[in-house]
C-alpha atoms as a PDB file:
ATOM      1  CA  MET A   1     -15.782   6.640 -16.785  1.00  0.00           C
ATOM      2  CA  ASP A   2     -13.247   7.072 -14.039  1.00  0.00           C
ATOM      3  CA  PHE A   3      -9.581   6.362 -14.819  1.00  0.00           C
ATOM      4  CA  GLY A   4      -7.692   5.362 -11.660  1.00  0.00           C
ATOM      5  CA  ALA A   5      -8.359   1.693 -10.721  1.00  0.00           C
ATOM      6  CA  VAL A   6     -10.903   1.467 -13.570  1.00  0.00           C
ATOM      7  CA  LEU A   7      -9.046   2.049 -16.849  1.00  0.00           C
ATOM      8  CA  PHE A   8      -5.558   2.544 -15.379  1.00  0.00           C
ATOM      9  CA  GLN A   9      -3.796   0.667 -12.600  1.00  0.00           C
ATOM     10  CA  TRP A  10      -3.672   2.587  -9.328  1.00  0.00           C
ATOM     11  CA  GLN A  11      -1.866   0.682  -6.575  1.00  0.00           C
ATOM     12  CA  PRO A  12      -0.696   3.183  -3.957  1.00  0.00           C
ATOM     13  CA  ALA A  13       0.527   0.576  -1.459  1.00  0.00           C
ATOM     14  CA  GLN A  14       2.802  -0.970  -4.084  1.00  0.00           C
ATOM     15  CA  LEU A  15       3.994   2.469  -5.079  1.00  0.00           C
ATOM     16  CA  VAL A  16       5.115   3.420  -1.575  1.00  0.00           C
ATOM     17  CA  SER A  17       6.624  -0.029  -1.082  1.00  0.00           C
ATOM     18  CA  ALA A  18       8.831   0.542  -4.121  1.00  0.00           C
ATOM     19  CA  HIS A  19      10.124   3.874  -2.829  1.00  0.00           C
ATOM     20  CA  PHE A  20      10.078   3.319   0.937  1.00  0.00           C
ATOM     21  CA  PRO A  21      10.548  -0.439   1.451  1.00  0.00           C
ATOM     22  CA  GLU A  22      11.849   0.026   5.001  1.00  0.00           C
ATOM     23  CA  LEU A  23       8.609   1.819   5.985  1.00  0.00           C
ATOM     24  CA  ALA A  24       6.316  -0.571   4.121  1.00  0.00           C
ATOM     25  CA  ALA A  25       7.627  -3.937   5.220  1.00  0.00           C
ATOM     26  CA  THR A  26       4.133  -5.348   5.757  1.00  0.00           C
ATOM     27  CA  PRO A  27       0.915  -4.846   3.781  1.00  0.00           C
ATOM     28  CA  GLU A  28      -0.545  -2.991   6.760  1.00  0.00           C
ATOM     29  CA  ALA A  29       2.426  -0.625   6.978  1.00  0.00           C
ATOM     30  CA  ALA A  30       2.306   0.013   3.240  1.00  0.00           C
ATOM     31  CA  GLN A  31      -1.417   0.792   3.391  1.00  0.00           C
ATOM     32  CA  HIS A  32      -0.877   3.152   6.326  1.00  0.00           C
ATOM     33  CA  LEU A  33       1.876   5.085   4.557  1.00  0.00           C
ATOM     34  CA  ALA A  34      -0.145   5.235   1.338  1.00  0.00           C
ATOM     35  CA  ARG A  35      -3.133   6.653   3.200  1.00  0.00           C
ATOM     36  CA  SER A  36      -0.897   9.206   4.935  1.00  0.00           C
ATOM     37  CA  ILE A  37       0.317  10.473   1.585  1.00  0.00           C
ATOM     38  CA  PHE A  38      -2.548  10.081  -0.856  1.00  0.00           C
ATOM     39  CA  ARG A  39      -5.554  10.730   1.387  1.00  0.00           C
ATOM     40  CA  HIS A  40      -4.222  13.924   2.915  1.00  0.00           C
ATOM     41  CA  ALA A  41      -5.600  17.371   2.107  1.00  0.00           C
ATOM     42  CA  ASP A  42      -2.339  18.292   0.383  1.00  0.00           C
ATOM     43  CA  TRP A  43      -2.701  15.482  -2.143  1.00  0.00           C
ATOM     44  CA  HIS A  44      -6.346  16.405  -2.649  1.00  0.00           C
ATOM     45  CA  ALA A  45      -5.202  19.951  -3.479  1.00  0.00           C
ATOM     46  CA  PHE A  46      -2.657  18.527  -5.938  1.00  0.00           C
ATOM     47  CA  ASP A  47      -5.478  16.516  -7.525  1.00  0.00           C
ATOM     48  CA  CYS A  48      -7.497  19.706  -7.840  1.00  0.00           C
ATOM     49  CA  GLY A  49      -4.693  21.684  -9.425  1.00  0.00           C
ATOM     50  CA  THR A  50      -4.389  24.133  -6.540  1.00  0.00           C
ATOM     51  CA  LEU A  51      -1.031  22.778  -5.322  1.00  0.00           C
ATOM     52  CA  SER A  52       1.996  22.090  -7.520  1.00  0.00           C
ATOM     53  CA  ALA A  53       4.020  18.880  -7.552  1.00  0.00           C
ATOM     54  CA  GLU A  54       6.925  20.747  -5.973  1.00  0.00           C
ATOM     55  CA  VAL A  55       4.836  22.043  -3.090  1.00  0.00           C
ATOM     56  CA  VAL A  56       3.069  18.747  -2.390  1.00  0.00           C
ATOM     57  CA  THR A  57       6.471  17.035  -2.395  1.00  0.00           C
ATOM     58  CA  ALA A  58       7.935  19.512   0.086  1.00  0.00           C
ATOM     59  CA  ARG A  59       4.906  19.440   2.372  1.00  0.00           C
ATOM     60  CA  THR A  60       4.648  15.643   2.371  1.00  0.00           C
ATOM     61  CA  SER A  61       8.343  15.325   3.128  1.00  0.00           C
ATOM     62  CA  ALA A  62       8.127  17.732   6.061  1.00  0.00           C
ATOM     63  CA  ARG A  63       4.856  16.356   7.435  1.00  0.00           C
ATOM     64  CA  LEU A  64       5.938  12.706   7.411  1.00  0.00           C
ATOM     65  CA  ASP A  65       9.674  13.317   8.008  1.00  0.00           C
ATOM     66  CA  LEU A  66      10.628  11.645   4.744  1.00  0.00           C
ATOM     67  CA  PRO A  67      13.650  12.527   2.570  1.00  0.00           C
ATOM     68  CA  GLN A  68      12.460  15.089   0.059  1.00  0.00           C
ATOM     69  CA  ALA A  69      14.439  13.540  -2.818  1.00  0.00           C
ATOM     70  CA  ARG A  70      12.710  10.206  -2.287  1.00  0.00           C
ATOM     71  CA  VAL A  71       9.267  11.793  -2.062  1.00  0.00           C
ATOM     72  CA  HIS A  72      10.069  13.604  -5.299  1.00  0.00           C
ATOM     73  CA  GLY A  73      10.994  10.254  -6.845  1.00  0.00           C
ATOM     74  CA  LEU A  74       7.699   8.748  -5.724  1.00  0.00           C
ATOM     75  CA  VAL A  75       5.620  11.627  -7.098  1.00  0.00           C
ATOM     76  CA  SER A  76       7.469  11.835 -10.411  1.00  0.00           C
ATOM     77  CA  ASP A  77       7.208   8.062 -10.869  1.00  0.00           C
ATOM     78  CA  ILE A  78       3.411   7.949 -10.732  1.00  0.00           C
ATOM     79  CA  GLY A  79       2.678   9.087 -14.263  1.00  0.00           C
ATOM     80  CA  GLU A  80       4.728   6.266 -15.743  1.00  0.00           C
ATOM     81  CA  ARG A  81       3.129   3.685 -13.440  1.00  0.00           C
ATOM     82  CA  LEU A  82      -0.397   4.491 -14.607  1.00  0.00           C
ATOM     83  CA  LEU A  83      -0.624   1.529 -16.972  1.00  0.00           C
ATOM     84  CA  PRO A  84      -3.822   0.447 -18.732  1.00  0.00           C
ATOM     85  CA  ILE A  85      -5.815  -2.422 -17.245  1.00  0.00           C
ATOM     86  CA  ALA A  86      -5.937  -4.829 -20.181  1.00  0.00           C
ATOM     87  CA  GLU A  87      -9.441  -6.169 -19.546  1.00  0.00           C
ATOM     88  CA  THR A  88     -10.978  -2.700 -19.194  1.00  0.00           C
ATOM     89  CA  LEU A  89      -9.131  -1.469 -22.253  1.00  0.00           C
ATOM     90  CA  ALA A  90     -10.591  -4.374 -24.252  1.00  0.00           C
ATOM     91  CA  LEU A  91     -14.067  -3.419 -23.055  1.00  0.00           C
ATOM     92  CA  LEU A  92     -13.435   0.216 -23.960  1.00  0.00           C
ATOM     93  CA  ALA A  93     -12.351  -0.897 -27.437  1.00  0.00           C
ATOM     94  CA  ASP A  94     -15.643  -2.760 -27.859  1.00  0.00           C
ATOM     95  CA  LEU A  95     -17.574   0.336 -26.790  1.00  0.00           C
ATOM     96  CA  GLU A  96     -15.594   2.536 -29.166  1.00  0.00           C
ATOM     97  CA  ARG A  97     -16.322   0.123 -32.005  1.00  0.00           C
ATOM     98  CA  ARG A  98     -20.031   0.295 -31.240  1.00  0.00           C
ATOM     99  CA  ARG A  99     -19.784   4.060 -31.049  1.00  0.00           C
ATOM    100  CA  ARG A 100     -18.310   4.188 -34.569  1.00  0.00           C
ATOM    101  CA  GLU A 101     -20.550   1.575 -36.148  1.00  0.00           C
ATOM    102  CA  ARG A 102     -23.878   2.366 -34.546  1.00  0.00           C
ATOM    103  CA  GLY A 103     -23.521   5.920 -33.302  1.00  0.00           C
ATOM    104  CA  ASP A 104     -25.825   5.275 -30.356  1.00  0.00           C
ATOM    105  CA  LEU A 105     -23.473   6.193 -27.521  1.00  0.00           C
ATOM    106  CA  ARG A 106     -20.799   8.685 -26.557  1.00  0.00           C
ATOM    107  CA  LEU A 107     -17.831   8.095 -24.281  1.00  0.00           C
ATOM    108  CA  PHE A 108     -16.532  10.547 -21.689  1.00  0.00           C
ATOM    109  CA  PHE A 109     -14.150  10.412 -18.743  1.00  0.00           C
ATOM    110  CA  LEU A 110     -14.234  12.123 -15.368  1.00  0.00           C
ATOM    111  CA  SER A 111     -11.006  11.566 -13.468  1.00  0.00           C
ATOM    112  CA  ASN A 112      -9.379  12.907 -10.342  1.00  0.00           C
ATOM    113  CA  MET A 113      -5.937  13.391 -11.838  1.00  0.00           C
ATOM    114  CA  PRO A 114      -3.239  16.021 -11.228  1.00  0.00           C
ATOM    115  CA  ALA A 115      -2.431  17.908 -14.419  1.00  0.00           C
ATOM    116  CA  PRO A 116       1.162  16.598 -14.787  1.00  0.00           C
ATOM    117  CA  PHE A 117      -0.072  12.987 -14.814  1.00  0.00           C
ATOM    118  CA  ALA A 118      -2.939  13.843 -17.153  1.00  0.00           C
ATOM    119  CA  ARG A 119      -0.478  15.273 -19.686  1.00  0.00           C
ATOM    120  CA  ILE A 120       1.601  12.079 -19.536  1.00  0.00           C
ATOM    121  CA  LEU A 121      -1.453   9.934 -20.246  1.00  0.00           C
ATOM    122  CA  GLU A 122      -2.497  12.165 -23.139  1.00  0.00           C
ATOM    123  CA  GLN A 123       0.952  11.896 -24.700  1.00  0.00           C
ATOM    124  CA  LYS A 124       1.360   8.144 -24.200  1.00  0.00           C
ATOM    125  CA  TYR A 125      -2.003   6.638 -25.030  1.00  0.00           C
ATOM    126  CA  VAL A 126      -3.679   7.130 -28.398  1.00  0.00           C
ATOM    127  CA  PHE A 127      -6.773   5.301 -27.157  1.00  0.00           C
ATOM    128  CA  LEU A 128      -7.729   8.359 -25.113  1.00  0.00           C
ATOM    129  CA  GLN A 129      -8.880   9.748 -28.459  1.00  0.00           C
ATOM    130  CA  TRP A 130     -11.679   7.181 -28.344  1.00  0.00           C
ATOM    131  CA  PHE A 131     -13.405   9.436 -25.813  1.00  0.00           C
ATOM    132  CA  ASP A 132     -15.651  12.215 -27.051  1.00  0.00           C
ATOM    133  CA  GLY A 133     -14.325  14.360 -24.234  1.00  0.00           C
ATOM    134  CA  GLY A 134     -13.692  14.416 -20.543  1.00  0.00           C
ATOM    135  CA  ILE A 135     -12.425  16.310 -17.529  1.00  0.00           C
ATOM    136  CA  PHE A 136      -9.319  15.911 -15.401  1.00  0.00           C
ATOM    137  CA  SER A 137      -9.719  17.415 -11.940  1.00  0.00           C
ATOM    138  CA  GLY A 138      -6.309  19.090 -12.112  1.00  0.00           C
ATOM    139  CA  ASP A 139      -7.465  21.164 -15.089  1.00  0.00           C
ATOM    140  CA  VAL A 140     -10.598  22.582 -13.481  1.00  0.00           C
ATOM    141  CA  GLN A 141      -9.626  23.006  -9.801  1.00  0.00           C
ATOM    142  CA  ARG A 142     -12.365  20.762  -8.481  1.00  0.00           C
ATOM    143  CA  SER A 143     -12.636  17.021  -7.972  1.00  0.00           C
ATOM    144  CA  LYS A 144     -15.004  14.166  -7.208  1.00  0.00           C
ATOM    145  CA  PRO A 145     -17.101  13.811  -5.140  1.00  0.00           C
ATOM    146  CA  ASP A 146     -17.846  17.544  -5.461  1.00  0.00           C
ATOM    147  CA  PRO A 147     -21.092  17.628  -7.496  1.00  0.00           C
ATOM    148  CA  SER A 148     -19.869  20.676  -9.406  1.00  0.00           C
ATOM    149  CA  ILE A 149     -17.333  18.663 -11.425  1.00  0.00           C
ATOM    150  CA  TYR A 150     -20.099  16.294 -12.552  1.00  0.00           C
ATOM    151  CA  GLN A 151     -22.271  19.273 -13.435  1.00  0.00           C
ATOM    152  CA  LEU A 152     -19.394  20.777 -15.401  1.00  0.00           C
ATOM    153  CA  LEU A 153     -19.049  17.589 -17.457  1.00  0.00           C
ATOM    154  CA  GLN A 154     -22.800  17.543 -17.996  1.00  0.00           C
ATOM    155  CA  SER A 155     -23.003  21.147 -19.178  1.00  0.00           C
ATOM    156  CA  ARG A 156     -19.798  21.093 -21.229  1.00  0.00           C
ATOM    157  CA  TYR A 157     -20.913  18.091 -23.282  1.00  0.00           C
ATOM    158  CA  THR A 158     -24.711  18.536 -23.093  1.00  0.00           C
ATOM    159  CA  LEU A 159     -25.303  15.224 -21.346  1.00  0.00           C
ATOM    160  CA  ALA A 160     -28.863  14.109 -20.705  1.00  0.00           C
ATOM    161  CA  PRO A 161     -28.850  12.835 -17.093  1.00  0.00           C
ATOM    162  CA  GLU A 162     -31.378  10.078 -17.786  1.00  0.00           C
ATOM    163  CA  GLN A 163     -29.133   8.782 -20.603  1.00  0.00           C
ATOM    164  CA  THR A 164     -25.836   9.015 -18.711  1.00  0.00           C
ATOM    165  CA  LEU A 165     -24.149   6.077 -17.012  1.00  0.00           C
ATOM    166  CA  PHE A 166     -21.205   6.806 -14.718  1.00  0.00           C
ATOM    167  CA  VAL A 167     -18.597   4.195 -13.757  1.00  0.00           C
ATOM    168  CA  ASP A 168     -16.243   4.642 -10.789  1.00  0.00           C
ATOM    169  CA  ASP A 169     -14.476   2.340  -8.353  1.00  0.00           C
ATOM    170  CA  LEU A 170     -15.586   4.394  -5.336  1.00  0.00           C
ATOM    171  CA  GLN A 171     -19.175   4.069  -4.194  1.00  0.00           C
ATOM    172  CA  GLU A 172     -19.222   7.633  -2.870  1.00  0.00           C
ATOM    173  CA  ASN A 173     -18.515   8.975  -6.346  1.00  0.00           C
ATOM    174  CA  VAL A 174     -21.199   6.771  -7.894  1.00  0.00           C
ATOM    175  CA  ASP A 175     -23.714   7.947  -5.305  1.00  0.00           C
ATOM    176  CA  VAL A 176     -23.108  11.604  -6.184  1.00  0.00           C
ATOM    177  CA  ALA A 177     -23.710  10.852  -9.864  1.00  0.00           C
ATOM    178  CA  ARG A 178     -27.024   9.263  -8.955  1.00  0.00           C
ATOM    179  CA  THR A 179     -28.131  12.377  -7.046  1.00  0.00           C
ATOM    180  CA  LEU A 180     -27.820  14.262 -10.351  1.00  0.00           C
ATOM    181  CA  GLY A 181     -30.131  11.837 -12.107  1.00  0.00           C
ATOM    182  CA  TRP A 182     -27.380   9.792 -13.755  1.00  0.00           C
ATOM    183  CA  SER A 183     -27.226   6.020 -13.575  1.00  0.00           C
ATOM    184  CA  GLY A 184     -24.178   4.652 -11.789  1.00  0.00           C
ATOM    185  CA  VAL A 185     -22.134   1.474 -11.564  1.00  0.00           C
ATOM    186  CA  ARG A 186     -19.422   0.835  -9.031  1.00  0.00           C
ATOM    187  CA  PHE A 187     -16.503  -0.788 -10.851  1.00  0.00           C
ATOM    188  CA  VAL A 188     -15.252  -4.075  -9.386  1.00  0.00           C
ATOM    189  CA  SER A 189     -13.867  -5.748 -12.498  1.00  0.00           C
ATOM    190  CA  ALA A 190     -14.077  -5.468 -16.257  1.00  0.00           C
ATOM    191  CA  ALA A 191     -16.185  -8.636 -16.372  1.00  0.00           C
ATOM    192  CA  GLN A 192     -18.644  -7.212 -13.860  1.00  0.00           C
ATOM    193  CA  LEU A 193     -18.828  -3.925 -15.795  1.00  0.00           C
ATOM    194  CA  ARG A 194     -19.365  -5.746 -19.076  1.00  0.00           C
ATOM    195  CA  SER A 195     -22.304  -7.579 -17.511  1.00  0.00           C
ATOM    196  CA  SER A 196     -23.769  -4.339 -16.160  1.00  0.00           C
ATOM    197  CA  LEU A 197     -23.447  -2.641 -19.539  1.00  0.00           C
ATOM    198  CA  ALA A 198     -25.236  -5.517 -21.258  1.00  0.00           C
ATOM    199  CA  ASP A 199     -28.249  -4.760 -19.073  1.00  0.00           C
ATOM    200  CA  TRP A 200     -28.032  -0.990 -19.567  1.00  0.00           C
ATOM    201  CA  LEU A 201     -27.253  -0.609 -23.272  1.00  0.00           C
ATOM    202  CA  PRO A 202     -30.111  -1.335 -25.730  1.00  0.00           C
END
């Protein structure tokens, strides 16, 4: 299971609007600024753990001509804004209950997440212990959709591809999982995922 926009809220346009309201006065402007920050190679390197928060802050500030203190505020604010999506959390609780009572499934996560944010989630949310394991990209210096991070999860936890279902909000990431022989579901909503799982689980 992916985390951002699946189990945890990830709303980059709202995030930049909160920190740079004068540059995000319209939804289009907010989306543009969010893409400029979060879809750049520097942020990808931060995701992968090859660039620190300090460096990505300085580079983003210089590249986009933004005040460094405000970029720092935006970056440092993200970990606290990663709040659980209630409906997905309820579904996860149902899966964890089945896992305990029937023992016929295991739960893992595979998330593109910089290490500082991953540590915040681990400290704040006890329900992460419901997972049998998982990988944050910032801890292994690789990220989705690189097939190697999927293969690392598979080898680390001895996953059988034909018995593995991967859930992600991005179709590209789901497609890579399928090339490895996993099943895949693109997440749209918790209700949609619940319906898909009813068809997949025995």
